[in-house]
Amino acid sequence: MTNTVIESPSPVTGPPGGEPARRRIPGWARGLLWAVAAIAVLATASYATGMDVLTSSNTANTALRLALPILLAGLGGLWAERSGVINIGLEGMLILGTWGAAWGAYFGGSVWTGLAAAILFGGLGGLLHAVATVTFGVNHIVSGVAINLLGLGVTKYLASLIFEPISGNPRQSPVVPKYDTYSATFLSDWLGDIEAMQRVFISDAAGLIRGLITQVTPLAVLALLLVPVSYLILWRTRFGLRLRSCGENPVAAESLGVNVYLHKYVALAISGGLAGMGGASLVLLPGGADYLENQTNGRGFIGLAAMIFGNWRPGGLLGGAALFGYADGLQLSGGGEAVISLLYGVVILLIVLVVLQLFRKQWLSALLAAAGAGVLYYIYWSNDALPRDLIPYTPHFVTLIVLAVSAQKLRPPRAIGRRYRRGEGD
């Protein structure tokens, strides 16, 4: 009798007799490589077009402030959709957060009471979405749209009831406290000197980094910390595993003793609270307005797009929020000329993509990328600046382009959007 030995695949060498398996690059390392590549592209575009504003510290600082509501809304969407619930209502929860932040900060006399009120109002919106979708089985899209409309209506009524007697304007709150800002003074001054030298790449990197460590608010630090915290909770804890199982296969999760309803409710309450924080960032950060009607300007939907761009992962979401925040900040800092110059950088990226796709023998993708590069370069060459009427919509254009490019590689949770009833099978 012959004993047969079955060899198990090695994590390094792969299956017996096969080719060595590729080592996966850690997520933090991939993020660092993408950051270096982005700086290189922006530096090249800045040098070629003469637009220093592309990598200035002012642009980076403005981009950070404008990326916060997108990042927090996207994190809210991540928590909801990882539990299997589509959250189109992020925009409405952002709106509720803006009103709650102004109300809490004005009557509480502190930015922290404003932040707490924003989280509370956003969380209530998330719980209402949970009642509709989880308990009553309402279609997730229909419920989300209703939350958006409800957020608009409720805040409009509350503003006319509470703010109008004080501010004299039913669409605006009275002046509310703002967060203090902090800077790493020594490092900021040193990076400012390097930025002023106008050395290719070095000065560009110094300008972008300086913008991220100058006049930073505690809310910005808290929002950035929530990215790794969300990853650790959702991917490194038992609770996170159970929550994600509700979005992948709730029936199987139920059979293993997971309370699917409870986890979905918790996820949506957290989702609404994070979106409420995003609304607070529009009201409580210095340089921003107090509460204004419709001041979210679609950032809840852009946050949802950033989450999809990030493939329902916190790290990718951070990159998407940075991209959209940068596009928004650039049009404020540099106007239409800077936005047109950014197209030069996009052309560079597409040329690199063409080379990579040719190397992989992906002929159709290479052809489409080359055609896109040609069209964008023609737009850049034939226009000195983006038309003034289109400038405010720069982040929205970027959203559409990014979603169109990244749509082929998405992997959403398997059970997302499905109606779940306890005790029912697949």
Protein backbone atom coordinates (compact mmCIF):
# COMPACT_ATOMS: atom_id res chain seq x y z
CA MET A 1 0.00 0.00 0.00
CA THR A 2 1.38 3.35 -0.99
CA ASN A 3 1.02 6.33 1.29
CA THR A 4 0.08 9.47 -0.58
CA VAL A 5 1.25 12.75 0.84
CA ILE A 6 -0.80 15.79 -0.12
CA GLU A 7 1.27 18.92 -0.10
CA SER A 8 -0.48 22.09 1.01
CA PRO A 9 0.20 25.32 -0.82
CA SER A 10 2.81 27.53 0.76
CA PRO A 11 2.01 31.19 1.29
CA VAL A 12 5.32 32.03 -0.36
CA THR A 13 5.93 29.36 -2.99
CA GLY A 14 2.28 28.69 -3.90
CA PRO A 15 0.95 25.29 -5.07
CA PRO A 16 3.44 22.40 -5.42
CA GLY A 17 5.17 22.57 -8.77
CA GLY A 18 3.62 25.96 -9.50
CA GLU A 19 5.03 29.42 -9.76
CA PRO A 20 5.94 31.31 -6.59
CA ALA A 21 3.00 33.28 -5.22
CA ARG A 22 3.27 37.03 -5.29
CA ARG A 23 3.64 38.76 -1.96
CA ARG A 24 0.82 41.20 -1.34
CA ILE A 25 1.87 44.78 -0.73
CA PRO A 26 0.50 45.99 2.64
CA GLY A 27 -2.37 48.46 2.39
CA TRP A 28 -0.40 51.26 4.08
CA ALA A 29 2.45 50.78 1.60
CA ARG A 30 0.10 50.94 -1.39
CA GLY A 31 -1.42 54.11 0.03
CA LEU A 32 2.04 55.63 0.42
CA LEU A 33 2.94 54.73 -3.16
CA TRP A 34 -0.27 56.30 -4.44
CA ALA A 35 0.47 59.46 -2.44
CA VAL A 36 3.98 59.71 -3.91
CA ALA A 37 2.59 59.14 -7.41
CA ALA A 38 -0.05 61.84 -6.90
CA ILE A 39 2.59 64.34 -5.73
CA ALA A 40 4.77 63.47 -8.73
CA VAL A 41 1.91 64.02 -11.17
CA LEU A 42 0.86 67.30 -9.56
CA ALA A 43 4.47 68.50 -9.46
CA THR A 44 4.92 67.70 -13.15
CA ALA A 45 1.67 69.46 -14.07
CA SER A 46 2.58 72.47 -11.92
CA TYR A 47 6.01 72.76 -13.56
CA ALA A 48 4.70 72.27 -17.11
CA THR A 49 1.79 74.70 -16.81
CA GLY A 50 3.38 77.27 -14.48
CA MET A 51 0.49 76.96 -12.00
CA ASP A 52 2.14 76.87 -8.56
CA VAL A 53 -1.30 76.80 -6.94
CA LEU A 54 -1.61 73.10 -7.85
CA THR A 55 0.77 72.21 -5.03
CA SER A 56 0.57 75.24 -2.77
CA SER A 57 0.05 74.92 0.97
CA ASN A 58 -3.06 77.10 0.73
CA THR A 59 -4.66 74.66 -1.72
CA ALA A 60 -3.78 71.67 0.48
CA ASN A 61 -5.16 73.37 3.59
CA THR A 62 -8.40 74.32 1.84
CA ALA A 63 -8.68 70.81 0.40
CA LEU A 64 -8.35 69.27 3.88
CA ARG A 65 -11.17 71.42 5.22
CA LEU A 66 -13.43 70.67 2.28
CA ALA A 67 -12.63 66.94 2.31
CA LEU A 68 -13.82 66.46 5.91
CA PRO A 69 -17.60 66.39 5.25
CA ILE A 70 -17.01 64.08 2.28
CA LEU A 71 -14.79 61.78 4.34
CA LEU A 72 -17.20 61.60 7.27
CA ALA A 73 -20.23 61.07 5.02
CA GLY A 74 -18.31 58.33 3.21
CA LEU A 75 -17.40 56.65 6.51
CA GLY A 76 -21.08 56.78 7.44
CA GLY A 77 -21.94 55.07 4.16
CA LEU A 78 -19.23 52.47 4.78
CA TRP A 79 -20.69 51.45 8.15
CA ALA A 80 -24.22 51.24 6.76
CA GLU A 81 -23.42 49.37 3.58
CA ARG A 82 -21.06 46.91 5.24
CA SER A 83 -24.09 45.84 7.28
CA GLY A 84 -26.08 45.38 4.06
CA VAL A 85 -28.13 48.62 4.07
CA ILE A 86 -27.79 51.12 1.21
CA ASN A 87 -27.67 54.62 2.65
CA ILE A 88 -28.72 57.13 0.01
CA GLY A 89 -29.92 59.31 2.90
CA LEU A 90 -26.42 60.55 3.80
CA GLU A 91 -27.22 63.96 2.33
CA GLY A 92 -30.23 64.35 4.61
CA MET A 93 -28.20 63.26 7.63
CA LEU A 94 -25.52 65.81 6.72
CA ILE A 95 -28.22 68.49 6.59
CA LEU A 96 -29.54 67.45 9.99
CA GLY A 97 -25.97 67.63 11.30
CA THR A 98 -25.49 71.20 10.06
CA TRP A 99 -28.60 72.42 11.89
CA GLY A 100 -27.78 70.41 15.02
CA ALA A 101 -24.24 71.80 15.10
CA ALA A 102 -25.44 75.41 14.88
CA TRP A 103 -28.18 74.87 17.46
CA GLY A 104 -25.91 73.06 19.93
CA ALA A 105 -22.99 75.46 19.52
CA TYR A 106 -25.12 78.60 19.87
CA PHE A 107 -27.26 77.58 22.83
CA GLY A 108 -24.56 75.40 24.43
CA GLY A 109 -21.87 78.02 23.92
CA SER A 110 -19.25 75.47 22.84
CA VAL A 111 -18.11 73.79 19.65
CA TRP A 112 -18.14 70.45 21.46
CA THR A 113 -21.82 70.74 22.37
CA GLY A 114 -22.42 71.65 18.74
CA LEU A 115 -20.55 68.53 17.62
CA ALA A 116 -22.51 66.36 20.07
CA ALA A 117 -25.81 67.80 18.84
CA ALA A 118 -24.78 67.20 15.22
CA ILE A 119 -23.97 63.56 15.98
CA LEU A 120 -27.30 63.20 17.79
CA PHE A 121 -29.37 64.68 14.94
CA GLY A 122 -27.50 62.67 12.31
CA GLY A 123 -27.85 59.52 14.42
CA LEU A 124 -31.61 60.06 14.66
CA GLY A 125 -31.73 60.22 10.87
CA GLY A 126 -29.79 56.95 10.70
CA LEU A 127 -32.14 55.27 13.19
CA LEU A 128 -35.16 56.43 11.19
CA HIS A 129 -33.60 54.83 8.11
CA ALA A 130 -33.09 51.65 10.15
CA VAL A 131 -36.74 51.57 11.28
CA ALA A 132 -37.91 51.90 7.67
CA THR A 133 -35.50 49.44 6.04
CA VAL A 134 -34.70 46.90 8.76
CA THR A 135 -37.97 46.72 10.70
CA PHE A 136 -40.54 47.47 8.00
CA GLY A 137 -38.61 46.28 4.95
CA VAL A 138 -38.98 49.49 2.94
CA ASN A 139 -36.87 49.69 -0.19
CA HIS A 140 -33.51 51.18 0.79
CA ILE A 141 -33.41 53.70 -2.06
CA VAL A 142 -36.94 54.92 -1.36
CA SER A 143 -36.19 55.30 2.35
CA GLY A 144 -32.94 57.16 1.63
CA VAL A 145 -34.63 59.62 -0.69
CA ALA A 146 -37.31 60.18 1.95
CA ILE A 147 -34.61 60.89 4.57
CA ASN A 148 -33.07 63.49 2.25
CA LEU A 149 -36.40 65.23 1.74
CA LEU A 150 -37.21 64.99 5.45
CA GLY A 151 -33.85 66.48 6.39
CA LEU A 152 -34.49 69.47 4.15
CA GLY A 153 -37.99 70.00 5.47
CA VAL A 154 -37.25 69.51 9.17
CA THR A 155 -34.24 71.83 9.21
CA LYS A 156 -36.11 74.49 7.25
CA TYR A 157 -38.95 74.40 9.76
CA LEU A 158 -36.63 74.39 12.79
CA ALA A 159 -34.53 77.23 11.39
CA SER A 160 -37.58 79.43 10.85
CA LEU A 161 -38.89 78.51 14.30
CA ILE A 162 -35.68 78.94 16.34
CA PHE A 163 -33.10 80.89 14.32
CA GLU A 164 -35.27 83.50 12.60
CA PRO A 165 -36.25 85.36 15.84
CA ILE A 166 -32.50 85.66 16.64
CA SER A 167 -30.80 86.17 13.28
CA GLY A 168 -33.72 87.74 11.44
CA ASN A 169 -33.19 85.25 8.60
CA PRO A 170 -35.11 81.95 8.39
CA ARG A 171 -32.34 80.43 6.26
CA GLN A 172 -29.37 81.32 8.45
CA SER A 173 -28.31 80.80 12.05
CA PRO A 174 -26.79 83.46 14.30
CA VAL A 175 -23.01 83.49 14.64
CA VAL A 176 -21.78 80.30 16.33
CA PRO A 177 -18.41 79.45 17.96
CA LYS A 178 -15.70 77.96 15.75
CA TYR A 179 -12.90 75.49 16.48
CA ASP A 180 -9.46 76.86 17.29
CA THR A 181 -6.66 75.96 14.90
CA TYR A 182 -3.20 74.62 15.70
CA SER A 183 0.01 74.44 13.68
CA ALA A 184 3.30 72.57 13.99
CA THR A 185 5.12 75.92 13.91
CA PHE A 186 8.76 74.82 13.57
CA LEU A 187 8.01 72.19 10.94
CA SER A 188 5.58 74.50 9.14
CA ASP A 189 8.16 77.31 8.90
CA TRP A 190 10.83 74.90 7.65
CA LEU A 191 8.51 73.47 4.99
CA GLY A 192 7.47 77.02 4.04
CA ASP A 193 11.12 77.88 3.32
CA ILE A 194 11.45 74.78 1.12
CA GLU A 195 8.19 75.60 -0.68
CA ALA A 196 9.46 79.13 -1.43
CA MET A 197 12.58 77.69 -3.15
CA GLN A 198 10.42 76.41 -6.04
CA ARG A 199 12.43 73.22 -6.50
CA VAL A 200 10.64 70.65 -8.64
CA PHE A 201 8.96 67.90 -6.61
CA ILE A 202 10.72 68.83 -3.32
CA SER A 203 9.00 72.19 -3.02
CA ASP A 204 5.74 70.70 -4.28
CA ALA A 205 5.80 67.96 -1.65
CA ALA A 206 6.74 70.50 1.03
CA GLY A 207 3.81 72.74 0.06
CA LEU A 208 1.27 69.94 0.17
CA ILE A 209 2.54 68.57 3.49
CA ARG A 210 2.71 72.07 4.99
CA GLY A 211 -0.94 72.63 4.13
CA LEU A 212 -1.89 69.50 6.07
CA ILE A 213 -0.12 70.52 9.31
CA THR A 214 -0.95 74.23 9.36
CA GLN A 215 -4.10 75.64 10.99
CA VAL A 216 -5.45 72.17 11.74
CA THR A 217 -8.54 71.80 13.94
CA PRO A 218 -9.24 69.08 16.53
CA LEU A 219 -12.23 67.99 14.41
CA ALA A 220 -9.94 67.37 11.43
CA VAL A 221 -7.63 65.23 13.55
CA LEU A 222 -10.61 63.33 14.96
CA ALA A 223 -12.03 62.71 11.47
CA LEU A 224 -8.70 61.37 10.17
CA LEU A 225 -8.32 59.11 13.21
CA LEU A 226 -11.76 57.64 12.54
CA VAL A 227 -10.42 56.06 9.33
CA PRO A 228 -8.01 53.59 11.03
CA VAL A 229 -10.43 53.21 13.95
CA SER A 230 -13.19 52.13 11.54
CA TYR A 231 -10.81 49.67 9.89
CA LEU A 232 -9.73 48.17 13.22
CA ILE A 233 -13.30 47.79 14.45
CA LEU A 234 -14.78 46.42 11.23
CA TRP A 235 -11.90 44.14 10.23
CA ARG A 236 -10.11 43.28 13.46
CA THR A 237 -12.85 42.74 16.06
CA ARG A 238 -15.53 40.11 16.62
CA PHE A 239 -18.22 42.79 16.49
CA GLY A 240 -16.93 44.02 13.13
CA LEU A 241 -16.85 40.49 11.71
CA ARG A 242 -20.46 39.93 12.75
CA LEU A 243 -21.54 43.30 11.32
CA ARG A 244 -19.87 42.59 7.98
CA SER A 245 -21.39 39.10 7.91
CA CYS A 246 -24.81 40.78 8.00
CA GLY A 247 -23.92 42.49 4.74
CA GLU A 248 -22.50 39.36 3.13
CA ASN A 249 -24.95 36.64 4.18
CA PRO A 250 -27.43 37.59 6.93
CA VAL A 251 -29.13 34.18 6.89
CA ALA A 252 -25.85 32.40 7.59
CA ALA A 253 -25.01 35.00 10.24
CA GLU A 254 -28.37 34.39 11.91
CA SER A 255 -27.78 30.64 11.91
CA LEU A 256 -24.56 31.26 13.87
CA GLY A 257 -26.35 33.28 16.54
CA VAL A 258 -25.73 36.81 15.24
CA ASN A 259 -28.52 39.28 16.00
CA VAL A 260 -28.76 40.70 12.50
CA TYR A 261 -31.38 43.33 13.35
CA LEU A 262 -29.33 44.70 16.24
CA HIS A 263 -26.14 44.94 14.20
CA LYS A 264 -27.92 46.73 11.36
CA TYR A 265 -29.46 49.20 13.80
CA VAL A 266 -26.08 49.90 15.42
CA ALA A 267 -24.43 50.33 12.01
CA LEU A 268 -27.06 52.81 10.84
CA ALA A 269 -26.95 54.79 14.09
CA ILE A 270 -23.16 55.08 13.70
CA SER A 271 -23.62 55.89 10.00
CA GLY A 272 -25.97 58.77 10.80
CA GLY A 273 -23.73 60.02 13.60
CA LEU A 274 -20.71 60.13 11.30
CA ALA A 275 -22.71 61.97 8.64
CA GLY A 276 -23.86 64.40 11.34
CA MET A 277 -20.21 65.02 12.17
CA GLY A 278 -19.66 65.83 8.50
CA GLY A 279 -22.43 68.40 8.74
CA ALA A 280 -20.79 69.87 11.85
CA SER A 281 -17.54 70.35 9.92
CA LEU A 282 -19.37 72.68 7.51
CA VAL A 283 -20.58 74.87 10.40
CA LEU A 284 -17.91 74.73 13.10
CA LEU A 285 -14.65 74.96 11.17
CA PRO A 286 -13.04 78.40 10.82
CA GLY A 287 -13.38 79.84 7.35
CA GLY A 288 -16.74 78.19 6.85
CA ALA A 289 -20.17 79.74 7.11
CA ASP A 290 -22.58 79.38 10.00
CA TYR A 291 -25.67 77.30 9.32
CA LEU A 292 -27.10 78.10 5.88
CA GLU A 293 -29.96 76.41 4.11
CA ASN A 294 -28.73 73.89 1.50
CA GLN A 295 -25.08 74.44 2.40
CA THR A 296 -24.20 70.75 1.99
CA ASN A 297 -24.35 71.16 -1.82
CA GLY A 298 -24.53 67.43 -2.57
CA ARG A 299 -21.56 66.44 -0.39
CA GLY A 300 -23.48 63.47 0.99
CA PHE A 301 -23.73 62.02 -2.51
CA ILE A 302 -20.06 62.81 -3.19
CA GLY A 303 -19.19 61.02 0.07
CA LEU A 304 -21.14 58.01 -1.19
CA ALA A 305 -19.16 58.19 -4.44
CA ALA A 306 -15.89 58.34 -2.45
CA MET A 307 -16.93 55.20 -0.58
CA ILE A 308 -17.69 53.38 -3.84
CA PHE A 309 -14.41 54.61 -5.33
CA GLY A 310 -12.65 53.16 -2.27
CA ASN A 311 -14.35 49.78 -2.90
CA TRP A 312 -16.06 49.86 0.51
CA ARG A 313 -12.70 50.03 2.33
CA PRO A 314 -11.58 52.82 4.71
CA GLY A 315 -8.21 53.39 3.04
CA GLY A 316 -9.66 53.70 -0.44
CA LEU A 317 -12.39 55.95 0.94
CA LEU A 318 -9.74 58.28 2.37
CA GLY A 319 -8.12 58.50 -1.06
CA GLY A 320 -11.46 59.26 -2.71
CA ALA A 321 -12.31 61.96 -0.17
CA ALA A 322 -8.86 63.50 -0.67
CA LEU A 323 -9.38 63.55 -4.44
CA PHE A 324 -12.79 65.21 -4.26
CA GLY A 325 -11.69 67.61 -1.53
CA TYR A 326 -8.64 68.59 -3.59
CA ALA A 327 -10.78 69.27 -6.67
CA ASP A 328 -13.09 71.44 -4.56
CA GLY A 329 -10.20 73.26 -2.88
CA LEU A 330 -8.40 73.87 -6.16
CA GLN A 331 -11.34 75.63 -7.75
CA LEU A 332 -11.58 77.92 -4.72
CA SER A 333 -7.84 78.64 -4.53
CA GLY A 334 -6.97 78.93 -8.20
CA GLY A 335 -10.20 79.34 -10.13
CA GLY A 336 -10.82 78.12 -13.66
CA GLU A 337 -7.19 78.41 -14.79
CA ALA A 338 -6.03 76.01 -12.07
CA VAL A 339 -8.77 73.49 -12.89
CA ILE A 340 -7.78 73.50 -16.56
CA SER A 341 -4.14 72.98 -15.53
CA LEU A 342 -5.21 69.95 -13.51
CA LEU A 343 -6.34 68.36 -16.80
CA TYR A 344 -2.67 68.27 -17.79
CA GLY A 345 -1.99 66.05 -14.79
CA VAL A 346 -4.91 63.80 -15.72
CA VAL A 347 -3.45 63.45 -19.23
CA ILE A 348 -0.16 62.31 -17.69
CA LEU A 349 -2.00 59.67 -15.65
CA LEU A 350 -3.82 58.42 -18.72
CA ILE A 351 -0.57 58.15 -20.68
CA VAL A 352 0.90 56.04 -17.88
CA LEU A 353 -2.26 53.93 -17.96
CA VAL A 354 -1.87 53.44 -21.72
CA VAL A 355 1.68 52.16 -21.25
CA LEU A 356 0.62 49.77 -18.48
CA GLN A 357 -2.31 48.41 -20.49
CA LEU A 358 -0.11 47.90 -23.55
CA PHE A 359 2.36 46.00 -21.38
CA ARG A 360 -0.53 43.81 -20.15
CA LYS A 361 -1.81 43.44 -23.75
CA GLN A 362 -5.14 45.04 -22.85
CA TRP A 363 -5.57 46.66 -26.23
CA LEU A 364 -9.10 47.99 -25.84
CA SER A 365 -8.39 49.62 -22.47
CA ALA A 366 -5.22 51.17 -23.86
CA LEU A 367 -7.14 52.55 -26.85
CA LEU A 368 -9.87 54.06 -24.64
CA ALA A 369 -7.28 55.61 -22.31
CA ALA A 370 -5.40 57.07 -25.27
CA ALA A 371 -8.63 58.52 -26.68
CA GLY A 372 -9.49 60.04 -23.29
CA ALA A 373 -6.00 61.56 -23.03
CA GLY A 374 -6.38 63.08 -26.47
CA VAL A 375 -9.75 64.62 -25.69
CA LEU A 376 -8.61 66.08 -22.37
CA TYR A 377 -5.42 67.47 -23.87
CA TYR A 378 -7.46 69.16 -26.60
CA ILE A 379 -9.69 70.74 -23.93
CA TYR A 380 -6.58 71.90 -22.04
CA TRP A 381 -4.88 73.23 -25.19
CA SER A 382 -7.94 75.09 -26.51
CA ASN A 383 -9.03 76.78 -23.25
CA ASP A 384 -7.22 79.17 -20.96
CA ALA A 385 -9.65 78.60 -18.08
CA LEU A 386 -12.73 76.60 -17.20
CA PRO A 387 -15.89 78.66 -17.83
CA ARG A 388 -16.95 80.50 -14.68
CA ASP A 389 -20.40 78.89 -14.61
CA LEU A 390 -18.84 75.40 -14.53
CA ILE A 391 -16.21 76.04 -11.84
CA PRO A 392 -18.47 75.28 -8.82
CA TYR A 393 -19.31 71.89 -10.34
CA THR A 394 -15.70 70.69 -10.55
CA PRO A 395 -16.08 68.10 -7.73
CA HIS A 396 -19.22 66.75 -9.39
CA PHE A 397 -17.44 66.29 -12.72
CA VAL A 398 -14.58 64.55 -10.93
CA THR A 399 -17.12 62.29 -9.21
CA LEU A 400 -18.64 61.19 -12.51
CA ILE A 401 -15.24 60.57 -14.14
CA VAL A 402 -13.87 58.62 -11.18
CA LEU A 403 -16.95 56.42 -10.88
CA ALA A 404 -16.90 55.70 -14.61
CA VAL A 405 -13.22 54.65 -14.45
CA SER A 406 -13.41 52.61 -11.24
CA ALA A 407 -16.75 50.89 -11.89
CA GLN A 408 -15.09 47.79 -13.37
CA LYS A 409 -13.24 46.80 -10.20
CA LEU A 410 -15.91 47.17 -7.53
CA ARG A 411 -16.89 44.46 -5.09
CA PRO A 412 -19.81 45.56 -2.87
CA PRO A 413 -21.12 43.43 0.02
CA ARG A 414 -23.06 40.49 -1.43
CA ALA A 415 -26.33 41.08 0.41
CA ILE A 416 -26.38 44.87 0.10
CA GLY A 417 -29.85 46.26 -0.46
CA ARG A 418 -31.64 42.96 0.12
CA ARG A 419 -34.76 42.80 2.26
CA TYR A 420 -34.06 40.60 5.30
CA ARG A 421 -36.60 38.86 7.51
CA ARG A 422 -35.61 36.79 10.53
CA GLY A 423 -36.12 33.07 9.95
CA GLU A 424 -36.31 33.33 6.15
CA GLY A 425 -33.88 31.43 3.97
CA ASP A 426 -32.08 32.71 0.85
